[in-house]
Amino acid sequence: RKGLTTETGRGLVVRTGAIPRGRAPMHVRSKTTAWDGKGWRRQRKGRVSRPRRVRERIPASHPQTRARDQGAHPRIAMAVHSPLLRPTNVRKDPKPKEALEVRGGSVLEGHARISGAKNSALAVLAGTLLCGTTSVLRMVPELRDIRRMCDVLESIGAKVEIQVDERRTGGGASLIVDASRIHNPAPAEDAVRSLRASFFVLGPLLARLKEAVVPLPGGCDIGARPVDLHVRGLEALGAQIEIKHGCVHATTRGLVGAKIYLDYPSVGATETLMMAAALADGETTIENVAQEPEVVDLANYLVSMGACVRGAGTNSITINGVKKLHETEFTVIPDRIEAGTFLVAGAITHSSITLSPVIPRHLTAVIAKLHSIGCKVSLEGPDCVRLTPAEILRPADITTMPFPGFPTDMQPQFMALLTQSNGTSVVRETVFENRMKHVQELQRLGAHIKLSGSQATVDGGCHDQAALLARHAAVIEVTGRRDVGALSLSGTHVKASDLRAGAALLLAGLAAEGTTTIEGLHHMDRGYERLDEKLCRLGADVRRVALPGS
């Protein structure tokens, strides 16, 4: 193969191969070599011959040599002087697979600190590529998905610095992203395929570099999430797009404002088109857009950099393109789904807890449904709420819808809560057709759920209210723990199929009798920052354990 050089901000990387064009490494020069304008040539007996291959010598103490000795491919011997370039083929001891052990019956009390919104942070991180300088992001959750997104940005040429304040009990970090020298229109394929939100870089790359090659995205297996809305919208802005070999190839001579109508209010399509239009020439109007708080947060971030965005939070957004954007500091909004999960945790354990920081209007649908079930959610401050549990949970009907309707990301958690209700509830999923995989696992715990397509009928099974109230009061007075024996769930071994399904199983385990072991913990680590630690601080009996044989 031909030689390859990669220049970084911290040094020069030279791979095995022929001497590259340009300045040759010092160690290959000698009195018997000469530069002929194309490369160094070795002189022998009056004639000049070009050496076939030159391999850079690396000291035995160099980390790359040690990595090679530990199992890396013998042909790969790179001298890496930048922390952004990491070997991907070094064999590592596999980390033991972990599970959560949850002992039911604990009464929760205290205060839970809510982290920054993962879905908002991921979109804002993609938006940093629009800025030709530095962005500082606050309250970014420390999650696996965030680390993957940082890998995507680094593969494009951005520099990401993470600053963590260990004194913060709620976690979170500050990210400093320098996108001034992005040069690669093709982000790392493995990172993109494992994280759906990384597809958002398509719009910013097209706006900045006039070209993008982005693999089709991955993510949780909760149903089809096609990218046709993204593609048609970018084509309306003047992009030429071709999908081949599992990648979206997009080019443009310059994006131009247009009027776009989305067939469905997709959050991903809205955010991708909004970022692309921020640097387009002229005015862009997007109709039937998503109104989620994460879309509004991205719009606020773009405005803080100097973009002109109007109408975020309504069904129509107008963007007037600008030539360039400037540096900014921005704080991500609190995670409304994490806040809703903790509210359900309080309701399912009949516990009174407080949460902050939250934005109450982002939780309108969740709070309204908790009120209809019998719980009370009250304001303790401008960004703090308190949940007061119901003595007996009433049944409810839930239908998921785009914001401001009931969020699909809270459907599994509420289904777990409704297994403890006094009557029969109906849950309809209209956003993702494959988001009912948690039903089978809840049934393993003893839940009475009948599934028909995307509709689930949940029988709470608690009908003798007077006897149940008396038993609750007696058990709590004697033991300080809830009576879970009357609530039909019993602990067993279950497996999370996706992020929110894992949260639902954890909540069900808090209400179950005995110990529940939950596999698939990596799903929850993608979207909840230290969820088990936060629950333990509230009094839950939750711990991580290594799975046998892992």
Protein backbone atom coordinates (compact mmCIF):
# COMPACT_ATOMS: atom_id res chain seq x y z
CA ARG A 1 0.00 0.00 0.00
CA LYS A 2 1.00 3.63 -0.39
CA GLY A 3 2.38 5.34 2.69
CA LEU A 4 0.07 7.52 4.75
CA THR A 5 0.83 10.58 6.86
CA THR A 6 -1.67 12.31 9.12
CA GLU A 7 -0.77 15.62 10.68
CA THR A 8 -2.51 16.50 13.97
CA GLY A 9 -2.28 19.37 16.37
CA ARG A 10 0.01 17.36 18.63
CA GLY A 11 2.43 15.64 16.27
CA LEU A 12 2.95 13.60 13.10
CA VAL A 13 1.64 10.07 12.58
CA VAL A 14 3.56 7.84 10.18
CA ARG A 15 2.23 4.42 9.19
CA THR A 16 4.12 1.55 7.61
CA GLY A 17 4.58 2.07 3.87
CA ALA A 18 6.67 3.78 1.23
CA ILE A 19 8.21 7.14 2.08
CA PRO A 20 5.39 9.71 1.71
CA ARG A 21 5.64 12.79 -0.39
CA GLY A 22 6.85 15.78 1.57
CA ARG A 23 9.47 16.02 4.26
CA ALA A 24 10.96 12.61 5.00
CA PRO A 25 11.53 11.37 8.57
CA MET A 26 14.96 12.30 9.91
CA HIS A 27 16.02 8.74 10.60
CA VAL A 28 16.02 7.74 6.89
CA ARG A 29 18.47 10.45 5.87
CA SER A 30 22.15 9.60 5.50
CA LYS A 31 25.19 10.61 3.53
CA THR A 32 24.22 8.15 0.81
CA THR A 33 20.75 9.61 0.13
CA ALA A 34 19.63 12.51 -2.02
CA TRP A 35 16.34 14.37 -2.52
CA ASP A 36 15.16 14.43 -6.15
CA GLY A 37 11.95 16.45 -5.68
CA LYS A 38 9.76 13.37 -5.40
CA GLY A 39 11.41 11.50 -2.54
CA TRP A 40 14.67 10.47 -0.94
CA ARG A 41 16.78 8.12 -3.05
CA ARG A 42 19.70 5.98 -2.02
CA GLN A 43 22.92 6.28 -4.06
CA ARG A 44 24.81 3.07 -4.80
CA LYS A 45 27.87 2.84 -7.06
CA GLY A 46 27.06 5.92 -9.06
CA ARG A 47 23.39 5.16 -9.61
CA VAL A 48 20.23 6.19 -7.79
CA SER A 49 17.66 3.62 -6.67
CA ARG A 50 14.50 4.16 -4.68
CA PRO A 51 14.07 2.03 -1.54
CA ARG A 52 11.02 -0.19 -1.69
CA ARG A 53 9.72 0.24 1.83
CA VAL A 54 10.78 2.09 4.94
CA ARG A 55 9.44 1.24 8.38
CA GLU A 56 9.72 3.78 11.14
CA ARG A 57 11.50 2.37 14.14
CA ILE A 58 9.58 2.72 17.39
CA PRO A 59 11.32 2.24 20.75
CA ALA A 60 10.38 -0.87 22.71
CA SER A 61 9.07 1.35 25.49
CA HIS A 62 6.59 3.13 23.20
CA PRO A 63 2.95 2.38 24.07
CA GLN A 64 2.19 1.36 20.51
CA THR A 65 4.96 -1.26 20.66
CA ARG A 66 3.51 -2.62 23.88
CA ALA A 67 0.05 -2.64 22.33
CA ARG A 68 1.38 -4.55 19.31
CA ASP A 69 3.03 -7.10 21.58
CA GLN A 70 -0.28 -7.57 23.40
CA GLY A 71 -2.07 -8.69 20.26
CA ALA A 72 -2.39 -5.85 17.77
CA HIS A 73 -1.86 -6.70 14.10
CA PRO A 74 1.92 -6.93 13.46
CA ARG A 75 1.74 -4.68 10.36
CA ILE A 76 0.32 -1.78 12.34
CA ALA A 77 3.15 0.10 14.05
CA MET A 78 2.06 3.70 14.41
CA ALA A 79 3.76 6.46 16.35
CA VAL A 80 0.78 8.24 17.89
CA HIS A 81 1.41 11.60 19.54
CA SER A 82 -2.22 12.78 19.82
CA PRO A 83 -4.77 11.63 22.42
CA LEU A 84 -7.49 11.91 19.78
CA LEU A 85 -6.00 9.03 17.75
CA ARG A 86 -6.70 5.80 19.57
CA PRO A 87 -5.81 2.29 18.31
CA THR A 88 -9.00 0.37 17.64
CA ASN A 89 -7.51 -3.09 17.25
CA VAL A 90 -5.73 -3.47 20.60
CA ARG A 91 -7.13 -6.45 22.43
CA LYS A 92 -8.41 -5.65 25.88
CA ASP A 93 -9.63 -7.84 28.66
CA PRO A 94 -13.43 -7.80 28.25
CA LYS A 95 -15.24 -6.01 31.04
CA PRO A 96 -17.53 -8.39 32.95
CA LYS A 97 -21.17 -7.96 32.02
CA GLU A 98 -23.14 -6.33 34.79
CA ALA A 99 -26.71 -6.62 35.98
CA LEU A 100 -28.82 -4.78 38.53
CA GLU A 101 -30.11 -6.51 41.62
CA VAL A 102 -33.20 -4.77 42.99
CA ARG A 103 -34.79 -5.73 46.28
CA GLY A 104 -38.39 -4.54 46.42
CA GLY A 105 -40.27 -3.01 49.30
CA SER A 106 -38.10 0.01 50.16
CA VAL A 107 -39.72 3.35 50.95
CA LEU A 108 -37.97 6.23 49.18
CA GLU A 109 -37.39 9.65 50.69
CA GLY A 110 -35.24 12.66 50.04
CA HIS A 111 -34.19 14.67 47.00
CA ALA A 112 -33.08 13.53 43.54
CA ARG A 113 -30.98 15.77 41.32
CA ILE A 114 -31.93 15.57 37.64
CA SER A 115 -29.19 15.48 35.00
CA GLY A 116 -29.04 17.34 31.71
CA ALA A 117 -31.20 16.03 28.88
CA LYS A 118 -29.37 13.38 26.86
CA ASN A 119 -31.43 13.92 23.70
CA SER A 120 -30.84 17.66 23.86
CA ALA A 121 -27.11 17.34 24.54
CA LEU A 122 -26.62 15.00 21.57
CA ALA A 123 -28.30 17.42 19.16
CA VAL A 124 -26.38 20.40 20.55
CA LEU A 125 -23.09 18.49 20.21
CA ALA A 126 -23.87 17.97 16.53
CA GLY A 127 -24.67 21.67 16.28
CA THR A 128 -21.20 22.62 17.52
CA LEU A 129 -19.90 21.66 14.06
CA LEU A 130 -21.63 24.73 12.65
CA CYS A 131 -19.43 27.01 14.72
CA GLY A 132 -16.03 27.91 13.27
CA THR A 133 -14.62 28.35 16.76
CA THR A 134 -15.22 27.04 20.31
CA SER A 135 -18.44 26.12 22.15
CA VAL A 136 -18.66 25.48 25.89
CA LEU A 137 -21.56 23.23 26.95
CA ARG A 138 -22.68 22.95 30.57
CA MET A 139 -24.72 20.29 32.37
CA VAL A 140 -23.89 17.56 29.86
CA PRO A 141 -24.71 14.12 31.32
CA GLU A 142 -21.88 11.58 31.64
CA LEU A 143 -23.32 8.82 29.49
CA ARG A 144 -22.09 6.23 27.04
CA ASP A 145 -24.02 7.88 24.20
CA ILE A 146 -22.34 11.22 24.95
CA ARG A 147 -18.90 9.60 24.80
CA ARG A 148 -19.80 8.00 21.46
CA MET A 149 -20.92 11.35 20.09
CA CYS A 150 -17.61 12.89 21.18
CA ASP A 151 -15.84 10.10 19.25
CA VAL A 152 -17.88 11.01 16.17
CA LEU A 153 -16.89 14.68 16.45
CA GLU A 154 -13.22 13.80 16.94
CA SER A 155 -13.26 11.55 13.88
CA ILE A 156 -14.38 14.56 11.84
CA GLY A 157 -11.54 16.74 13.14
CA ALA A 158 -13.06 18.52 16.13
CA LYS A 159 -11.29 18.68 19.47
CA VAL A 160 -13.34 17.80 22.56
CA GLU A 161 -12.25 18.48 26.10
CA ILE A 162 -14.29 17.13 29.00
CA GLN A 163 -14.22 18.84 32.40
CA VAL A 164 -15.93 16.99 35.24
CA ASP A 165 -16.60 18.56 38.64
CA GLU A 166 -16.47 15.60 41.02
CA ARG A 167 -17.99 17.72 43.78
CA ARG A 168 -21.32 17.85 41.98
CA THR A 169 -23.64 15.26 43.50
CA GLY A 170 -25.89 15.32 40.46
CA GLY A 171 -23.10 14.46 38.05
CA GLY A 172 -22.77 16.15 34.70
CA ALA A 173 -19.82 17.71 32.94
CA SER A 174 -18.72 20.68 30.87
CA LEU A 175 -17.61 20.04 27.30
CA ILE A 176 -15.36 22.36 25.32
CA VAL A 177 -15.70 21.66 21.59
CA ASP A 178 -13.36 23.28 19.07
CA ALA A 179 -14.72 22.71 15.56
CA SER A 180 -12.52 25.28 13.84
CA ARG A 181 -10.48 22.66 11.96
CA ILE A 182 -12.98 20.04 10.92
CA HIS A 183 -11.89 18.55 7.62
CA ASN A 184 -13.30 15.04 7.30
CA PRO A 185 -16.80 14.75 5.80
CA ALA A 186 -17.02 11.05 6.73
CA PRO A 187 -17.37 10.36 10.48
CA ALA A 188 -16.26 7.05 11.98
CA GLU A 189 -18.64 4.35 10.78
CA ASP A 190 -18.61 2.20 13.92
CA ALA A 191 -19.53 5.14 16.14
CA VAL A 192 -22.38 6.31 13.88
CA ARG A 193 -23.93 2.87 13.50
CA SER A 194 -24.13 2.39 17.27
CA LEU A 195 -25.69 5.80 17.98
CA ARG A 196 -28.69 7.08 16.09
CA ALA A 197 -28.24 10.70 17.17
CA SER A 198 -24.84 10.80 15.43
CA PHE A 199 -26.75 10.99 12.14
CA PHE A 200 -27.51 14.62 13.10
CA VAL A 201 -24.01 15.60 11.91
CA LEU A 202 -25.26 15.26 8.32
CA GLY A 203 -26.79 18.74 8.28
CA PRO A 204 -23.88 20.63 9.90
CA LEU A 205 -21.26 18.85 7.75
CA LEU A 206 -23.15 19.67 4.58
CA ALA A 207 -23.43 23.31 5.65
CA ARG A 208 -19.76 23.66 6.66
CA LEU A 209 -17.87 21.39 4.24
CA LYS A 210 -20.39 21.16 1.36
CA GLU A 211 -20.06 17.39 1.58
CA ALA A 212 -21.01 14.59 3.97
CA VAL A 213 -20.75 10.79 3.94
CA VAL A 214 -22.67 9.48 6.95
CA PRO A 215 -23.54 5.80 7.61
CA LEU A 216 -27.18 5.01 8.24
CA PRO A 217 -27.80 5.17 11.99
CA GLY A 218 -28.33 2.56 14.71
CA GLY A 219 -29.73 2.90 18.24
CA CYS A 220 -32.34 1.08 20.33
CA ASP A 221 -34.44 -1.52 18.51
CA ILE A 222 -37.83 0.08 19.12
CA GLY A 223 -39.07 0.27 15.55
CA ALA A 224 -38.42 1.78 12.13
CA ARG A 225 -37.05 5.31 12.13
CA PRO A 226 -36.36 6.07 8.47
CA VAL A 227 -34.28 9.01 7.30
CA ASP A 228 -36.35 9.86 4.24
CA LEU A 229 -37.61 13.09 5.87
CA HIS A 230 -34.02 14.22 6.43
CA VAL A 231 -33.09 13.40 2.84
CA ARG A 232 -36.04 15.10 1.17
CA GLY A 233 -35.60 18.20 3.31
CA LEU A 234 -31.89 18.53 2.49
CA GLU A 235 -32.64 18.02 -1.21
CA ALA A 236 -35.10 20.90 -0.99
CA LEU A 237 -32.24 23.03 0.37
CA GLY A 238 -30.13 22.22 -2.69
CA ALA A 239 -28.22 19.09 -1.72
CA GLN A 240 -27.56 16.16 -4.06
CA ILE A 241 -28.00 12.95 -2.09
CA GLU A 242 -27.39 9.31 -2.92
CA ILE A 243 -27.77 6.35 -0.58
CA LYS A 244 -25.41 3.48 -1.38
CA HIS A 245 -23.46 0.84 0.51
CA GLY A 246 -25.27 1.73 3.72
CA CYS A 247 -24.18 5.38 3.68
CA VAL A 248 -25.79 8.70 2.80
CA HIS A 249 -23.57 10.59 0.32
CA ALA A 250 -24.51 14.28 0.21
CA THR A 251 -22.89 17.14 -1.71
CA THR A 252 -23.85 20.72 -2.49
CA ARG A 253 -22.47 23.81 -4.13
CA GLY A 254 -24.20 25.83 -1.46
CA LEU A 255 -27.43 25.38 0.49
CA VAL A 256 -30.27 27.74 -0.39
CA GLY A 257 -33.34 28.52 1.73
CA ALA A 258 -36.60 26.80 0.85
CA LYS A 259 -40.08 25.98 2.10
CA ILE A 260 -40.29 22.46 3.53
CA TYR A 261 -43.25 20.45 4.83
CA LEU A 262 -42.62 17.37 6.97
CA ASP A 263 -45.07 14.51 6.53
CA TYR A 264 -44.52 13.65 10.21
CA PRO A 265 -43.24 15.91 13.02
CA SER A 266 -39.95 14.02 13.36
CA VAL A 267 -37.58 15.35 16.02
CA GLY A 268 -34.48 14.15 14.16
CA ALA A 269 -35.56 15.59 10.80
CA THR A 270 -36.53 18.92 12.39
CA GLU A 271 -33.16 19.26 14.12
CA THR A 272 -31.12 18.17 11.07
CA LEU A 273 -32.86 20.63 8.74
CA MET A 274 -32.76 23.46 11.26
CA MET A 275 -28.97 23.11 11.61
CA ALA A 276 -28.42 22.89 7.86
CA ALA A 277 -30.59 25.95 7.22
CA ALA A 278 -28.70 28.02 9.82
CA LEU A 279 -25.84 28.56 7.30
CA ALA A 280 -27.94 28.41 4.11
CA ASP A 281 -28.38 31.37 1.80
CA GLY A 282 -31.79 32.97 2.38
CA GLU A 283 -34.87 32.09 4.42
CA THR A 284 -36.06 28.56 5.20
CA THR A 285 -39.53 27.74 6.53
CA ILE A 286 -40.24 24.25 7.89
CA GLU A 287 -43.88 23.32 8.48
CA ASN A 288 -45.31 20.54 10.69
CA VAL A 289 -42.13 20.39 12.75
CA ALA A 290 -41.57 18.65 16.08
CA GLN A 291 -42.34 20.81 19.12
CA GLU A 292 -40.36 18.84 21.71
CA PRO A 293 -38.38 20.79 24.35
CA GLU A 294 -35.17 19.33 22.91
CA VAL A 295 -35.92 21.05 19.58
CA VAL A 296 -36.44 24.35 21.39
CA ASP A 297 -33.18 23.85 23.28
CA LEU A 298 -31.26 23.31 20.04
CA ALA A 299 -32.85 26.43 18.57
CA ASN A 300 -31.80 28.42 21.66
CA TYR A 301 -28.25 27.12 21.26
CA LEU A 302 -28.14 28.17 17.60
CA VAL A 303 -29.47 31.62 18.52
CA SER A 304 -26.77 31.96 21.18
CA MET A 305 -24.20 31.50 18.37
CA GLY A 306 -25.79 34.19 16.22
CA ALA A 307 -28.25 32.17 14.14
CA CYS A 308 -31.69 33.59 13.31
CA VAL A 309 -34.32 31.02 14.32
CA ARG A 310 -37.96 31.85 15.03
CA GLY A 311 -40.97 29.73 15.97
CA ALA A 312 -39.27 26.88 17.85
CA GLY A 313 -41.89 25.20 20.04
CA THR A 314 -44.66 25.77 17.48
CA ASN A 315 -45.55 23.75 14.37
CA SER A 316 -43.62 26.12 12.07
CA ILE A 317 -39.98 27.24 12.27
CA THR A 318 -38.36 29.98 10.18
CA ILE A 319 -34.58 30.20 9.81
CA ASN A 320 -32.73 33.07 8.14
CA GLY A 321 -29.30 31.84 7.13
CA VAL A 322 -26.15 33.68 8.21
CA LYS A 323 -22.57 33.57 6.89
CA LYS A 324 -20.92 32.38 10.09
CA LEU A 325 -21.59 31.67 13.75
CA HIS A 326 -19.57 32.73 16.78
CA GLU A 327 -18.43 31.03 19.97
CA THR A 328 -20.84 30.61 22.86
CA GLU A 329 -21.47 29.08 26.28
CA PHE A 330 -24.69 27.13 26.71
CA THR A 331 -26.40 25.10 29.45
CA VAL A 332 -28.43 22.03 28.45
CA ILE A 333 -31.99 21.72 29.80
CA PRO A 334 -32.84 19.16 32.52
CA ASP A 335 -33.91 15.71 31.33
CA ARG A 336 -37.71 15.55 31.40
CA ILE A 337 -37.71 11.77 30.89
CA GLU A 338 -35.39 11.18 33.84
CA ALA A 339 -37.57 13.48 35.94
CA GLY A 340 -40.68 11.54 34.88
CA THR A 341 -38.95 8.25 35.74
CA PHE A 342 -38.23 9.46 39.28
CA LEU A 343 -41.83 10.66 39.68
CA VAL A 344 -43.01 7.16 38.76
CA ALA A 345 -40.45 5.70 41.19
CA GLY A 346 -42.05 7.69 43.98
CA ALA A 347 -45.56 6.72 42.89
CA ILE A 348 -44.85 2.98 42.54
CA THR A 349 -43.17 2.81 45.98
CA HIS A 350 -45.80 5.03 47.67
CA SER A 351 -43.04 7.47 48.60
CA SER A 352 -42.81 11.26 48.80
CA ILE A 353 -39.71 12.67 47.07
CA THR A 354 -38.56 15.97 45.58
CA LEU A 355 -36.79 16.58 42.24
CA SER A 356 -34.71 19.43 40.83
CA PRO A 357 -33.78 20.98 38.52
CA VAL A 358 -36.86 20.48 36.34
CA ILE A 359 -38.89 22.62 33.95
CA PRO A 360 -42.50 21.88 35.02
CA ARG A 361 -44.07 22.78 31.65
CA HIS A 362 -41.99 20.03 30.02
CA LEU A 363 -43.72 17.54 32.33
CA THR A 364 -47.31 18.70 31.74
CA ALA A 365 -48.58 15.43 30.22
CA VAL A 366 -46.76 13.24 32.77
CA ILE A 367 -47.99 15.29 35.73
CA ALA A 368 -51.56 15.28 34.40
CA LYS A 369 -51.53 11.49 34.10
CA LEU A 370 -50.11 11.10 37.62
CA HIS A 371 -52.93 13.30 38.93
CA SER A 372 -55.52 11.14 37.18
CA ILE A 373 -53.97 8.03 38.77
CA GLY A 374 -54.29 9.61 42.23
CA CYS A 375 -50.84 11.09 42.93
CA LYS A 376 -50.17 14.76 43.59
CA VAL A 377 -47.30 16.76 42.10
CA SER A 378 -46.74 20.19 43.62
CA LEU A 379 -44.24 22.99 43.02
CA GLU A 380 -41.64 23.46 45.77
CA GLY A 381 -39.83 26.18 43.83
CA PRO A 382 -39.38 27.48 40.26
CA ASP A 383 -37.41 24.36 39.28
CA CYS A 384 -38.35 21.89 42.04
CA VAL A 385 -41.37 19.58 42.35
CA ARG A 386 -42.60 17.21 45.05
CA LEU A 387 -44.49 13.98 44.45
CA THR A 388 -47.06 12.96 47.05
CA PRO A 389 -48.14 9.35 46.41
CA ALA A 390 -51.67 8.00 46.20
CA GLU A 391 -52.90 5.57 48.83
CA ILE A 392 -54.54 3.52 46.09
CA LEU A 393 -53.54 3.93 42.44
CA ARG A 394 -56.44 4.34 40.01
CA PRO A 395 -56.36 2.85 36.48
CA ALA A 396 -55.78 5.08 33.46
CA ASP A 397 -55.77 5.03 29.67
CA ILE A 398 -52.57 6.23 27.99
CA THR A 399 -51.93 6.99 24.30
CA THR A 400 -48.47 8.11 23.26
CA MET A 401 -48.20 11.13 20.97
CA PRO A 402 -45.60 13.68 19.87
CA PHE A 403 -45.09 16.61 22.26
CA PRO A 404 -47.13 18.14 23.87
CA GLY A 405 -48.87 14.75 24.07
CA PHE A 406 -47.84 11.91 26.36
CA PRO A 407 -44.19 10.99 25.58
CA THR A 408 -43.43 7.57 24.16
CA ASP A 409 -40.27 7.49 26.27
CA MET A 410 -42.46 7.36 29.42
CA GLN A 411 -44.82 4.62 28.21
CA PRO A 412 -42.88 1.61 29.60
CA GLN A 413 -42.44 3.25 33.01
CA PHE A 414 -46.15 4.04 33.31
CA MET A 415 -47.05 0.51 32.26
CA ALA A 416 -45.01 -0.76 35.21
CA LEU A 417 -46.86 1.69 37.47
CA LEU A 418 -50.28 0.62 36.17
CA THR A 419 -49.59 -3.00 37.18
CA GLN A 420 -50.09 -1.71 40.74
CA SER A 421 -53.38 0.10 40.03
CA ASN A 422 -56.84 -0.79 41.28
CA GLY A 423 -58.45 -1.83 38.01
CA THR A 424 -57.82 -2.25 34.30
CA SER A 425 -55.82 0.21 32.20
CA VAL A 426 -55.18 0.48 28.45
CA VAL A 427 -51.86 1.64 26.97
CA ARG A 428 -51.62 2.47 23.24
CA GLU A 429 -48.28 3.06 21.49
CA THR A 430 -48.62 5.18 18.34
CA VAL A 431 -45.07 6.48 17.84
CA PHE A 432 -42.89 3.32 17.61
CA GLU A 433 -44.39 0.05 16.44
CA ASN A 434 -41.85 -2.12 18.25
CA ARG A 435 -41.96 -0.54 21.71
CA MET A 436 -43.76 -3.29 23.59
CA LYS A 437 -40.89 -5.69 24.23
CA HIS A 438 -40.97 -4.92 27.94
CA VAL A 439 -44.44 -6.50 28.22
CA GLN A 440 -43.06 -10.04 28.16
CA GLU A 441 -40.52 -9.22 30.87
CA LEU A 442 -43.16 -7.56 33.07
CA GLN A 443 -45.25 -10.69 32.66
CA ARG A 444 -42.30 -12.73 33.98
CA LEU A 445 -42.51 -10.61 37.12
CA GLY A 446 -46.16 -11.53 37.48
CA ALA A 447 -47.88 -8.63 35.76
CA HIS A 448 -51.28 -9.31 34.16
CA ILE A 449 -50.94 -7.74 30.71
CA LYS A 450 -52.62 -8.71 27.45
CA LEU A 451 -50.90 -7.45 24.34
CA SER A 452 -52.63 -6.97 20.99
CA GLY A 453 -50.39 -5.30 18.44
CA SER A 454 -49.45 -1.90 19.83
CA GLN A 455 -52.13 -1.92 22.52
CA ALA A 456 -51.70 -3.41 25.98
CA THR A 457 -54.44 -4.07 28.54
CA VAL A 458 -53.06 -3.97 32.08
CA ASP A 459 -54.98 -5.57 34.97
CA GLY A 460 -53.74 -4.06 38.22
CA GLY A 461 -55.34 -6.84 40.26
CA CYS A 462 -55.74 -4.76 43.44
CA HIS A 463 -59.51 -4.56 44.03
CA ASP A 464 -60.02 -4.79 47.82
CA GLN A 465 -59.06 -1.22 48.72
CA ALA A 466 -59.94 -1.33 52.41
CA ALA A 467 -58.00 -4.54 53.08
CA LEU A 468 -55.04 -3.30 51.07
CA LEU A 469 -54.87 0.03 52.94
CA ALA A 470 -55.03 -1.70 56.31
CA ARG A 471 -52.30 -4.16 55.35
CA HIS A 472 -50.05 -1.37 54.03
CA ALA A 473 -50.39 0.64 57.22
CA ALA A 474 -49.72 -2.35 59.49
CA VAL A 475 -46.63 -3.56 57.63
CA ILE A 476 -45.05 -0.08 57.31
CA GLU A 477 -45.65 0.61 61.03
CA VAL A 478 -43.93 -2.63 62.09
CA THR A 479 -41.11 -2.99 59.54
CA GLY A 480 -40.66 0.43 57.97
CA ARG A 481 -41.01 -1.23 54.54
CA ARG A 482 -43.92 -1.41 52.17
CA ASP A 483 -46.11 -4.47 51.93
CA VAL A 484 -45.34 -5.81 48.46
CA GLY A 485 -46.93 -9.20 48.93
CA ALA A 486 -50.37 -7.84 48.05
CA LEU A 487 -49.23 -6.21 44.82
CA SER A 488 -48.90 -9.29 42.60
CA LEU A 489 -45.29 -8.81 41.36
CA SER A 490 -42.50 -11.14 42.46
CA GLY A 491 -38.81 -10.80 41.73
CA THR A 492 -37.12 -12.92 39.08
CA HIS A 493 -34.47 -12.72 36.35
CA VAL A 494 -35.42 -10.37 33.48
CA LYS A 495 -33.65 -8.71 30.56
CA ALA A 496 -33.94 -5.13 29.27
CA SER A 497 -34.41 -4.87 25.50
CA ASP A 498 -33.86 -1.11 25.29
CA LEU A 499 -33.24 1.99 27.38
CA ARG A 500 -36.77 2.75 28.61
CA ALA A 501 -37.66 -0.93 28.96
CA GLY A 502 -34.77 -1.23 31.41
CA ALA A 503 -36.13 1.68 33.43
CA ALA A 504 -39.59 0.05 33.51
CA LEU A 505 -38.15 -3.23 34.81
CA LEU A 506 -36.19 -1.37 37.48
CA LEU A 507 -39.33 0.41 38.66
CA ALA A 508 -41.26 -2.87 38.67
CA GLY A 509 -38.46 -4.42 40.73
CA LEU A 510 -38.87 -1.68 43.34
CA ALA A 511 -42.52 -2.73 43.71
CA ALA A 512 -41.94 -6.50 43.54
CA GLU A 513 -41.58 -8.98 46.36
CA GLY A 514 -38.07 -10.38 46.68
CA THR A 515 -35.08 -9.70 44.43
CA THR A 516 -35.22 -8.83 40.74
CA THR A 517 -32.12 -9.24 38.58
CA ILE A 518 -32.07 -7.11 35.42
CA GLU A 519 -29.74 -7.89 32.52
CA GLY A 520 -29.03 -5.45 29.71
CA LEU A 521 -27.70 -2.78 32.04
CA HIS A 522 -25.75 -1.22 29.17
CA HIS A 523 -29.03 0.04 27.75
CA MET A 524 -29.77 2.08 30.89
CA ASP A 525 -26.20 3.38 31.01
CA ARG A 526 -26.80 4.89 27.57
CA GLY A 527 -29.53 7.22 28.80
CA TYR A 528 -29.56 7.51 32.61
CA GLU A 529 -26.68 9.09 34.48
CA ARG A 530 -25.93 7.06 37.63
CA LEU A 531 -29.55 6.01 38.02
CA ASP A 532 -28.76 3.23 40.48
CA GLU A 533 -26.66 5.56 42.66
CA LYS A 534 -29.39 8.20 42.75
CA LEU A 535 -32.01 5.63 43.76
CA CYS A 536 -29.73 4.29 46.49
CA ARG A 537 -29.41 7.81 47.92
CA LEU A 538 -33.21 7.89 48.12
CA GLY A 539 -33.25 4.63 50.07
CA ALA A 540 -33.72 2.00 47.36
CA ASP A 541 -31.94 -1.33 47.65
CA VAL A 542 -30.20 -1.46 44.24
CA ARG A 543 -26.72 -2.70 43.41
CA ARG A 544 -24.64 -3.70 40.41
CA VAL A 545 -23.42 -7.29 40.20
CA ALA A 546 -21.30 -9.20 37.70
CA LEU A 547 -23.18 -11.83 35.74
CA PRO A 548 -21.93 -15.39 36.22
CA GLY A 549 -19.68 -16.55 33.38
CA SER A 550 -19.13 -13.05 31.96
